[in-house]
Every structure is written in structure tokens, then in C-alpha cells.
Amino acid sequence: MAATAVFAPCPDCGEEIELWSQIKVGEELTCPYCEAELEVISLDPVELDWAYVPPAEDEEDWDEEEEDQ
């Protein structure tokens, strides 16, 4: 049996992204059009949102250095 395609719009660029039919809530992916890091937040209907990306350690250090000055 062939898998059916599932589509959802990218919240960043609005392009329709084709997803695999066995997608699950919490799965992360990258938009092939704008390279936004996304996460599946709903299945019915399929909805994508920006994935949480923790700040890099050196970014946090940079903020702290600026506050000290």
C-alpha cells in the first residue's frame, strides 16, 4: 500500500512542505525552502511551528560580558 503525502505550510516562508505519512508530534525537520528549523506540533490538522533551539554557550557568554561592562 502506498503512503499518502501529507502537506503543511512552513510558518516562516509559507511554502507547502511535503511530509512523510508516519509523522509524529515532536518530530523536527528543516524547511527545504527557507531552512527554518521546525517541529510538528499537531497532527489533525498537521501543523508546524518553529523548533526551540537553545542559545549556543558562547552567545550566552557574550551577553554576560556586555552586561559586565
N, C-alpha and C. Protein backbone atom coordinates (compact mmCIF):
# COMPACT_ATOMS: atom_id res chain seq x y z
N MET A 1 0.84 -1.17 0.00
CA MET A 1 0.00 0.00 0.00
C MET A 1 0.89 1.25 0.00
N ALA A 2 0.62 2.18 -0.88
CA ALA A 2 1.43 3.39 -1.00
C ALA A 2 1.08 4.37 0.11
N ALA A 3 2.09 5.03 0.61
CA ALA A 3 1.90 6.04 1.66
C ALA A 3 1.33 7.30 1.01
N THR A 4 0.41 7.93 1.71
CA THR A 4 -0.15 9.18 1.20
C THR A 4 0.69 10.34 1.67
N ALA A 5 0.82 11.33 0.82
CA ALA A 5 1.61 12.51 1.17
C ALA A 5 0.80 13.39 2.11
N VAL A 6 1.50 14.02 3.03
CA VAL A 6 0.91 14.95 3.97
C VAL A 6 1.62 16.28 3.74
N PHE A 7 0.86 17.36 3.69
CA PHE A 7 1.44 18.68 3.46
C PHE A 7 1.08 19.62 4.60
N ALA A 8 2.00 20.52 4.91
CA ALA A 8 1.76 21.56 5.91
C ALA A 8 2.55 22.79 5.51
N PRO A 9 2.00 23.98 5.76
CA PRO A 9 2.73 25.19 5.41
C PRO A 9 3.83 25.52 6.41
N CYS A 10 4.94 26.02 5.91
CA CYS A 10 6.03 26.48 6.78
C CYS A 10 5.58 27.78 7.43
N PRO A 11 5.70 27.91 8.76
CA PRO A 11 5.30 29.15 9.43
C PRO A 11 6.22 30.32 9.12
N ASP A 12 7.38 30.05 8.55
CA ASP A 12 8.34 31.11 8.25
C ASP A 12 8.14 31.67 6.85
N CYS A 13 8.12 30.80 5.83
CA CYS A 13 8.05 31.27 4.44
C CYS A 13 6.69 31.02 3.79
N GLY A 14 5.86 30.16 4.39
CA GLY A 14 4.52 29.90 3.86
C GLY A 14 4.46 28.83 2.78
N GLU A 15 5.59 28.30 2.36
CA GLU A 15 5.60 27.25 1.34
C GLU A 15 5.03 25.95 1.91
N GLU A 16 4.33 25.19 1.07
CA GLU A 16 3.79 23.89 1.48
C GLU A 16 4.92 22.86 1.49
N ILE A 17 5.10 22.21 2.63
CA ILE A 17 6.15 21.21 2.79
C ILE A 17 5.51 19.83 2.74
N GLU A 18 6.07 18.95 1.92
CA GLU A 18 5.58 17.58 1.86
C GLU A 18 6.25 16.79 2.98
N LEU A 19 5.43 16.14 3.79
CA LEU A 19 5.92 15.37 4.93
C LEU A 19 5.62 13.90 4.72
N TRP A 20 6.28 13.04 5.48
CA TRP A 20 6.05 11.61 5.42
C TRP A 20 4.74 11.30 6.14
N SER A 21 4.06 10.27 5.73
CA SER A 21 2.74 9.96 6.27
C SER A 21 2.78 9.45 7.71
N GLN A 22 3.90 8.97 8.17
CA GLN A 22 4.02 8.44 9.53
C GLN A 22 4.60 9.47 10.49
N ILE A 23 4.41 10.74 10.22
CA ILE A 23 4.96 11.81 11.04
C ILE A 23 4.33 11.79 12.43
N LYS A 24 5.08 12.22 13.43
CA LYS A 24 4.61 12.23 14.82
C LYS A 24 4.82 13.61 15.43
N VAL A 25 3.99 13.93 16.41
CA VAL A 25 4.14 15.18 17.14
C VAL A 25 5.51 15.19 17.82
N GLY A 26 6.19 16.30 17.74
CA GLY A 26 7.51 16.43 18.34
C GLY A 26 8.66 16.21 17.38
N GLU A 27 8.38 15.65 16.20
CA GLU A 27 9.46 15.44 15.23
C GLU A 27 9.93 16.78 14.70
N GLU A 28 11.21 16.89 14.49
CA GLU A 28 11.81 18.13 13.98
C GLU A 28 12.26 17.93 12.54
N LEU A 29 12.19 19.01 11.77
CA LEU A 29 12.59 18.98 10.38
C LEU A 29 13.07 20.37 9.97
N THR A 30 13.69 20.44 8.82
CA THR A 30 14.15 21.71 8.27
C THR A 30 13.36 21.99 7.01
N CYS A 31 12.86 23.22 6.89
CA CYS A 31 12.12 23.61 5.69
C CYS A 31 13.07 23.57 4.50
N PRO A 32 12.70 22.87 3.43
CA PRO A 32 13.58 22.80 2.26
C PRO A 32 13.65 24.11 1.48
N TYR A 33 12.76 25.04 1.78
CA TYR A 33 12.72 26.31 1.04
C TYR A 33 13.49 27.43 1.74
N CYS A 34 13.28 27.57 3.07
CA CYS A 34 13.93 28.69 3.78
C CYS A 34 14.89 28.22 4.87
N GLU A 35 14.99 26.90 5.07
CA GLU A 35 15.90 26.29 6.04
C GLU A 35 15.55 26.60 7.50
N ALA A 36 14.30 26.97 7.78
CA ALA A 36 13.86 27.19 9.16
C ALA A 36 13.81 25.85 9.88
N GLU A 37 14.21 25.84 11.14
CA GLU A 37 14.14 24.64 11.97
C GLU A 37 12.72 24.56 12.52
N LEU A 38 11.99 23.48 12.18
CA LEU A 38 10.59 23.36 12.52
C LEU A 38 10.31 22.11 13.34
N GLU A 39 9.15 22.11 13.99
CA GLU A 39 8.71 20.98 14.80
C GLU A 39 7.22 20.74 14.53
N VAL A 40 6.82 19.46 14.47
CA VAL A 40 5.41 19.11 14.30
C VAL A 40 4.73 19.31 15.65
N ILE A 41 3.69 20.16 15.68
CA ILE A 41 3.00 20.42 16.95
C ILE A 41 1.58 19.87 16.96
N SER A 42 1.07 19.45 15.80
CA SER A 42 -0.29 18.91 15.72
C SER A 42 -0.39 17.98 14.53
N LEU A 43 -1.24 16.96 14.64
CA LEU A 43 -1.43 16.02 13.53
C LEU A 43 -2.76 16.17 12.82
N ASP A 44 -3.76 16.73 13.47
CA ASP A 44 -5.09 16.82 12.87
C ASP A 44 -5.68 18.19 13.09
N PRO A 45 -5.37 19.15 12.25
CA PRO A 45 -4.56 19.07 11.03
C PRO A 45 -3.07 19.12 11.35
N VAL A 46 -2.26 18.71 10.39
CA VAL A 46 -0.81 18.77 10.57
C VAL A 46 -0.41 20.23 10.65
N GLU A 47 0.31 20.58 11.73
CA GLU A 47 0.73 21.96 11.94
C GLU A 47 2.19 21.99 12.36
N LEU A 48 2.92 22.92 11.79
CA LEU A 48 4.34 23.10 12.10
C LEU A 48 4.54 24.42 12.83
N ASP A 49 5.55 24.46 13.69
CA ASP A 49 5.94 25.69 14.36
C ASP A 49 7.46 25.69 14.43
N TRP A 50 8.03 26.84 14.78
CA TRP A 50 9.48 26.92 14.90
C TRP A 50 9.94 26.03 16.04
N ALA A 51 11.00 25.27 15.81
CA ALA A 51 11.57 24.40 16.84
C ALA A 51 12.37 25.24 17.82
N TYR A 52 12.38 24.83 19.07
CA TYR A 52 13.18 25.51 20.08
C TYR A 52 14.64 25.17 19.84
N VAL A 53 15.46 26.18 19.71
CA VAL A 53 16.90 26.00 19.55
C VAL A 53 17.56 26.74 20.70
N PRO A 54 18.14 26.01 21.65
CA PRO A 54 18.78 26.68 22.78
C PRO A 54 19.95 27.53 22.31
N PRO A 55 20.19 28.65 22.97
CA PRO A 55 21.31 29.51 22.55
C PRO A 55 22.64 28.79 22.74
N ALA A 56 23.58 29.07 21.86
CA ALA A 56 24.91 28.49 21.98
C ALA A 56 25.59 29.05 23.22
N GLU A 57 26.47 28.28 23.80
CA GLU A 57 27.15 28.71 25.04
C GLU A 57 27.87 30.02 24.86
N ASP A 58 28.57 30.18 23.74
CA ASP A 58 29.34 31.41 23.56
C ASP A 58 28.43 32.62 23.34
N GLU A 59 27.19 32.41 22.87
CA GLU A 59 26.24 33.52 22.76
C GLU A 59 25.84 34.01 24.15
N GLU A 60 25.62 33.06 25.07
CA GLU A 60 25.27 33.43 26.45
C GLU A 60 26.43 34.18 27.10
N ASP A 61 27.66 33.71 26.89
CA ASP A 61 28.84 34.36 27.45
C ASP A 61 28.97 35.78 26.92
N TRP A 62 28.68 35.98 25.64
CA TRP A 62 28.77 37.29 25.03
C TRP A 62 27.80 38.26 25.70
N ASP A 63 26.56 37.79 25.96
CA ASP A 63 25.58 38.65 26.65
C ASP A 63 26.05 39.01 28.04
N GLU A 64 26.63 38.06 28.75
CA GLU A 64 27.09 38.32 30.12
C GLU A 64 28.25 39.31 30.11
N GLU A 65 29.15 39.20 29.13
CA GLU A 65 30.29 40.11 29.04
C GLU A 65 29.81 41.54 28.81
N GLU A 66 28.79 41.71 27.97
CA GLU A 66 28.26 43.04 27.70
C GLU A 66 27.63 43.65 28.95
N GLU A 67 26.93 42.82 29.75
CA GLU A 67 26.30 43.31 30.96
C GLU A 67 27.33 43.76 31.98
N ASP A 68 28.49 43.09 32.00
CA ASP A 68 29.55 43.43 32.96
C ASP A 68 30.19 44.78 32.64
N GLN A 69 30.15 45.21 31.41
CA GLN A 69 30.83 46.45 31.01
C GLN A 69 30.04 47.69 31.34
